C-alpha atoms as a PDB file:
ATOM      1  CA  MET A   1      85.164 106.685 105.200  1.00  0.00           C
ATOM      2  CA  SER A   2      84.234 103.265 103.892  1.00  0.00           C
ATOM      3  CA  ILE A   3      82.248 100.318 105.092  1.00  0.00           C
ATOM      4  CA  ALA A   4      83.672  96.925 106.038  1.00  0.00           C
ATOM      5  CA  TYR A   5      83.074  95.354 102.631  1.00  0.00           C
ATOM      6  CA  ASP A   6      85.034  98.123 100.894  1.00  0.00           C
ATOM      7  CA  ILE A   7      88.275  97.172 102.636  1.00  0.00           C
ATOM      8  CA  ALA A   8      87.774  93.387 102.681  1.00  0.00           C
ATOM      9  CA  ARG A   9      89.649  90.876 100.557  1.00  0.00           C
ATOM     10  CA  LYS A  10      86.896  89.387  98.409  1.00  0.00           C
ATOM     11  CA  ASN A  11      88.619  86.082  97.626  1.00  0.00           C
ATOM     12  CA  VAL A  12      87.100  83.964 100.387  1.00  0.00           C
ATOM     13  CA  VAL A  13      88.489  80.429 100.456  1.00  0.00           C
ATOM     14  CA  ILE A  14      86.888  77.742 102.599  1.00  0.00           C
ATOM     15  CA  CYS A  15      88.115  74.295 103.573  1.00  0.00           C
ATOM     16  CA  LYS A  16      86.546  71.475 105.541  1.00  0.00           C
ATOM     17  CA  SER A  17      87.539  70.930 109.161  1.00  0.00           C
ATOM     18  CA  ASP A  18      88.917  67.471 108.328  1.00  0.00           C
ATOM     19  CA  ASP A  19      90.991  68.553 105.304  1.00  0.00           C
ATOM     20  CA  PRO A  20      94.639  67.449 105.669  1.00  0.00           C
ATOM     21  CA  LEU A  21      96.930  70.362 106.542  1.00  0.00           C
ATOM     22  CA  PRO A  22      99.136  69.914 103.437  1.00  0.00           C
ATOM     23  CA  GLU A  23      96.007  70.276 101.276  1.00  0.00           C
ATOM     24  CA  VAL A  24      94.990  73.387 103.229  1.00  0.00           C
ATOM     25  CA  ALA A  25      98.443  74.873 102.594  1.00  0.00           C
ATOM     26  CA  ARG A  26      98.172  74.039  98.873  1.00  0.00           C
ATOM     27  CA  MET A  27      94.791  75.777  98.713  1.00  0.00           C
ATOM     28  CA  MET A  28      96.323  78.881 100.283  1.00  0.00           C
ATOM     29  CA  VAL A  29      99.189  78.888  97.791  1.00  0.00           C
ATOM     30  CA  ASN A  30      96.948  78.238  94.782  1.00  0.00           C
ATOM     31  CA  GLU A  31      94.464  80.944  95.789  1.00  0.00           C
ATOM     32  CA  GLU A  32      97.243  83.338  96.897  1.00  0.00           C
ATOM     33  CA  VAL A  33      95.711  83.972 100.324  1.00  0.00           C
ATOM     34  CA  GLY A  34      97.169  84.051 103.833  1.00  0.00           C
ATOM     35  CA  SER A  35      94.136  82.517 105.481  1.00  0.00           C
ATOM     36  CA  LEU A  36      91.099  80.424 104.813  1.00  0.00           C
ATOM     37  CA  LEU A  37      87.916  79.739 106.667  1.00  0.00           C
ATOM     38  CA  VAL A  38      87.112  76.317 108.090  1.00  0.00           C
ATOM     39  CA  GLU A  39      83.626  74.862 107.922  1.00  0.00           C
ATOM     40  CA  ASP A  40      82.216  71.822 109.668  1.00  0.00           C
ATOM     41  CA  ASP A  41      80.118  69.065 108.108  1.00  0.00           C
ATOM     42  CA  SER A  42      76.970  71.168 108.414  1.00  0.00           C
ATOM     43  CA  GLY A  43      78.571  74.086 106.520  1.00  0.00           C
ATOM     44  CA  GLU A  44      78.965  76.296 109.580  1.00  0.00           C
ATOM     45  CA  ILE A  45      82.128  78.412 109.773  1.00  0.00           C
ATOM     46  CA  VAL A  46      83.961  77.175 112.875  1.00  0.00           C
ATOM     47  CA  GLY A  47      87.465  78.556 112.511  1.00  0.00           C
ATOM     48  CA  ILE A  48      90.172  80.115 110.410  1.00  0.00           C
ATOM     49  CA  VAL A  49      93.581  78.751 109.398  1.00  0.00           C
ATOM     50  CA  THR A  50      96.326  81.302 108.818  1.00  0.00           C
ATOM     51  CA  ASP A  51      99.737  80.924 107.262  1.00  0.00           C
ATOM     52  CA  ARG A  52     101.152  81.899 110.654  1.00  0.00           C
ATOM     53  CA  GLU A  53      99.513  78.858 112.290  1.00  0.00           C
ATOM     54  CA  ILE A  54     101.004  76.574 109.641  1.00  0.00           C
ATOM     55  CA  PHE A  55     104.443  78.137 110.227  1.00  0.00           C
ATOM     56  CA  ARG A  56     104.000  77.641 113.985  1.00  0.00           C
ATOM     57  CA  VAL A  57     103.255  73.935 113.517  1.00  0.00           C
ATOM     58  CA  ILE A  58     106.404  73.473 111.452  1.00  0.00           C
ATOM     59  CA  ALA A  59     108.548  75.574 113.818  1.00  0.00           C
ATOM     60  CA  GLU A  60     107.402  73.470 116.774  1.00  0.00           C
ATOM     61  CA  GLY A  61     108.481  70.313 114.982  1.00  0.00           C
ATOM     62  CA  GLU A  62     105.015  68.879 114.433  1.00  0.00           C
ATOM     63  CA  ASN A  63     104.455  66.873 111.270  1.00  0.00           C
ATOM     64  CA  PRO A  64     101.906  68.682 109.059  1.00  0.00           C
ATOM     65  CA  GLN A  65     101.143  65.335 107.395  1.00  0.00           C
ATOM     66  CA  ASP A  66      99.575  64.192 110.662  1.00  0.00           C
ATOM     67  CA  LEU A  67      97.286  67.202 111.104  1.00  0.00           C
ATOM     68  CA  ILE A  68      93.972  68.445 109.750  1.00  0.00           C
ATOM     69  CA  ALA A  69      92.565  71.968 109.513  1.00  0.00           C
ATOM     70  CA  GLU A  70      90.684  71.593 112.783  1.00  0.00           C
ATOM     71  CA  ASP A  71      93.959  70.897 114.617  1.00  0.00           C
ATOM     72  CA  VAL A  72      95.444  74.304 113.799  1.00  0.00           C
ATOM     73  CA  MET A  73      92.420  76.543 113.245  1.00  0.00           C
ATOM     74  CA  ILE A  74      91.764  79.619 115.332  1.00  0.00           C
ATOM     75  CA  SER A  75      88.316  79.873 116.842  1.00  0.00           C
ATOM     76  CA  PRO A  76      86.044  81.730 117.195  1.00  0.00           C
ATOM     77  CA  VAL A  77      85.831  83.604 113.913  1.00  0.00           C
ATOM     78  CA  TYR A  78      84.818  87.202 114.524  1.00  0.00           C
ATOM     79  CA  LYS A  79      82.324  88.551 112.003  1.00  0.00           C
ATOM     80  CA  VAL A  80      81.016  91.907 110.955  1.00  0.00           C
ATOM     81  CA  ASN A  81      78.188  92.852 108.609  1.00  0.00           C
ATOM     82  CA  ARG A  82      79.316  93.970 105.154  1.00  0.00           C
ATOM     83  CA  ASN A  83      77.725  97.417 105.706  1.00  0.00           C
ATOM     84  CA  ALA A  84      79.250  97.967 109.140  1.00  0.00           C
ATOM     85  CA  PRO A  85      81.149 101.231 109.491  1.00  0.00           C
ATOM     86  CA  ILE A  86      84.919 101.030 109.731  1.00  0.00           C
ATOM     87  CA  ILE A  87      84.703 102.077 113.378  1.00  0.00           C
ATOM     88  CA  GLU A  88      82.966  98.732 114.109  1.00  0.00           C
ATOM     89  CA  VAL A  89      85.839  96.838 112.479  1.00  0.00           C
ATOM     90  CA  GLU A  90      88.292  98.866 114.541  1.00  0.00           C
ATOM     91  CA  ARG A  91      86.330  98.128 117.732  1.00  0.00           C
ATOM     92  CA  ILE A  92      86.484  94.364 117.101  1.00  0.00           C
ATOM     93  CA  PHE A  93      90.223  94.491 116.466  1.00  0.00           C
ATOM     94  CA  GLN A  94      90.776  96.577 119.609  1.00  0.00           C
ATOM     95  CA  GLN A  95      88.672  94.345 121.868  1.00  0.00           C
ATOM     96  CA  THR A  96      89.840  90.933 120.607  1.00  0.00           C
ATOM     97  CA  ASP A  97      92.998  89.126 119.627  1.00  0.00           C
ATOM     98  CA  ALA A  98      91.574  88.452 116.147  1.00  0.00           C
ATOM     99  CA  GLU A  99      94.049  88.691 113.292  1.00  0.00           C
ATOM    100  CA  ARG A 100      91.241  88.513 110.747  1.00  0.00           C
ATOM    101  CA  ILE A 101      87.547  89.374 110.677  1.00  0.00           C
ATOM    102  CA  ALA A 102      85.043  87.732 108.351  1.00  0.00           C
ATOM    103  CA  VAL A 103      82.652  90.042 106.525  1.00  0.00           C
ATOM    104  CA  GLU A 104      79.172  88.611 106.137  1.00  0.00           C
ATOM    105  CA  ASP A 105      76.158  89.395 104.026  1.00  0.00           C
ATOM    106  CA  GLY A 106      73.277  87.562 105.647  1.00  0.00           C
ATOM    107  CA  ASP A 107      74.577  84.057 106.274  1.00  0.00           C
ATOM    108  CA  LYS A 108      77.253  84.195 103.565  1.00  0.00           C
ATOM    109  CA  ILE A 109      80.873  85.251 104.115  1.00  0.00           C
ATOM    110  CA  VAL A 110      81.778  87.743 101.384  1.00  0.00           C
ATOM    111  CA  GLY A 111      85.165  88.991 102.531  1.00  0.00           C
ATOM    112  CA  ILE A 112      88.026  88.900 105.020  1.00  0.00           C
ATOM    113  CA  ILE A 113      89.727  91.860 106.707  1.00  0.00           C
ATOM    114  CA  SER A 114      93.207  91.272 108.097  1.00  0.00           C
ATOM    115  CA  ARG A 115      94.431  93.264 111.070  1.00  0.00           C
ATOM    116  CA  LYS A 116      97.711  93.962 109.287  1.00  0.00           C
ATOM    117  CA  ILE A 117      96.019  95.473 106.222  1.00  0.00           C
ATOM    118  CA  PHE A 118      93.481  97.312 108.383  1.00  0.00           C
ATOM    119  CA  ASP A 119      96.254  98.895 110.458  1.00  0.00           C
ATOM    120  CA  ARG A 120      98.099  99.898 107.282  1.00  0.00           C
ATOM    121  CA  LEU A 121      94.960 101.513 105.854  1.00  0.00           C
ATOM    122  CA  MET A 122      94.306 103.370 109.100  1.00  0.00           C
ATOM    123  CA  SER A 123      97.868 104.686 109.239  1.00  0.00           C
ATOM    124  CA  MET A 124      97.511 105.925 105.660  1.00  0.00           C
ATOM    125  CA  LYS A 125      94.262 107.686 106.611  1.00  0.00           C
ATOM    126  CA  ASP A 126      95.941 109.276 109.633  1.00  0.00           C
ATOM    127  CA  THR A 127      98.730 110.679 107.459  1.00  0.00           C
ATOM    128  CA  GLY A 128      96.240 112.102 104.974  1.00  0.00           C
ATOM    129  CA  ARG A 129      97.326 109.775 102.169  1.00  0.00           C
ATOM    130  CA  LEU A 130      94.691 108.492  99.822  1.00  0.00           C
ATOM    131  CA  LEU A 131      93.372 105.008 100.661  1.00  0.00           C
ATOM    132  CA  PRO A 132      93.856 102.495  97.838  1.00  0.00           C
ATOM    133  CA  VAL A 133      90.324 101.095  98.122  1.00  0.00           C
END
């Protein structure tokens, strides 16, 4: 089958850990993504914000205006090398609660794999249908 990079979403969007949550949500809408990576002041990736976490904040009655990315980010961010076999991606999903895995090439993040899309691709493979990759 493929390698990790082949099934990753290539549009990697990054925000700062102190970005206001409404701005983070706007970035997600503008870039048409369901998650974005969070970096600290030194440029290190320290978390990931998902649309689900933003929904949770609103559902729990918190005011998004009072929050920053760091307040709602999920950490740690699990990573896999861009050339890792799909079985490595599957192993990470099976052994963690990660909803997304960052795909790295050296020290640069070059893609994101969501558990939902990964599971859909695997079910298509299992049924013998052609993978749209």
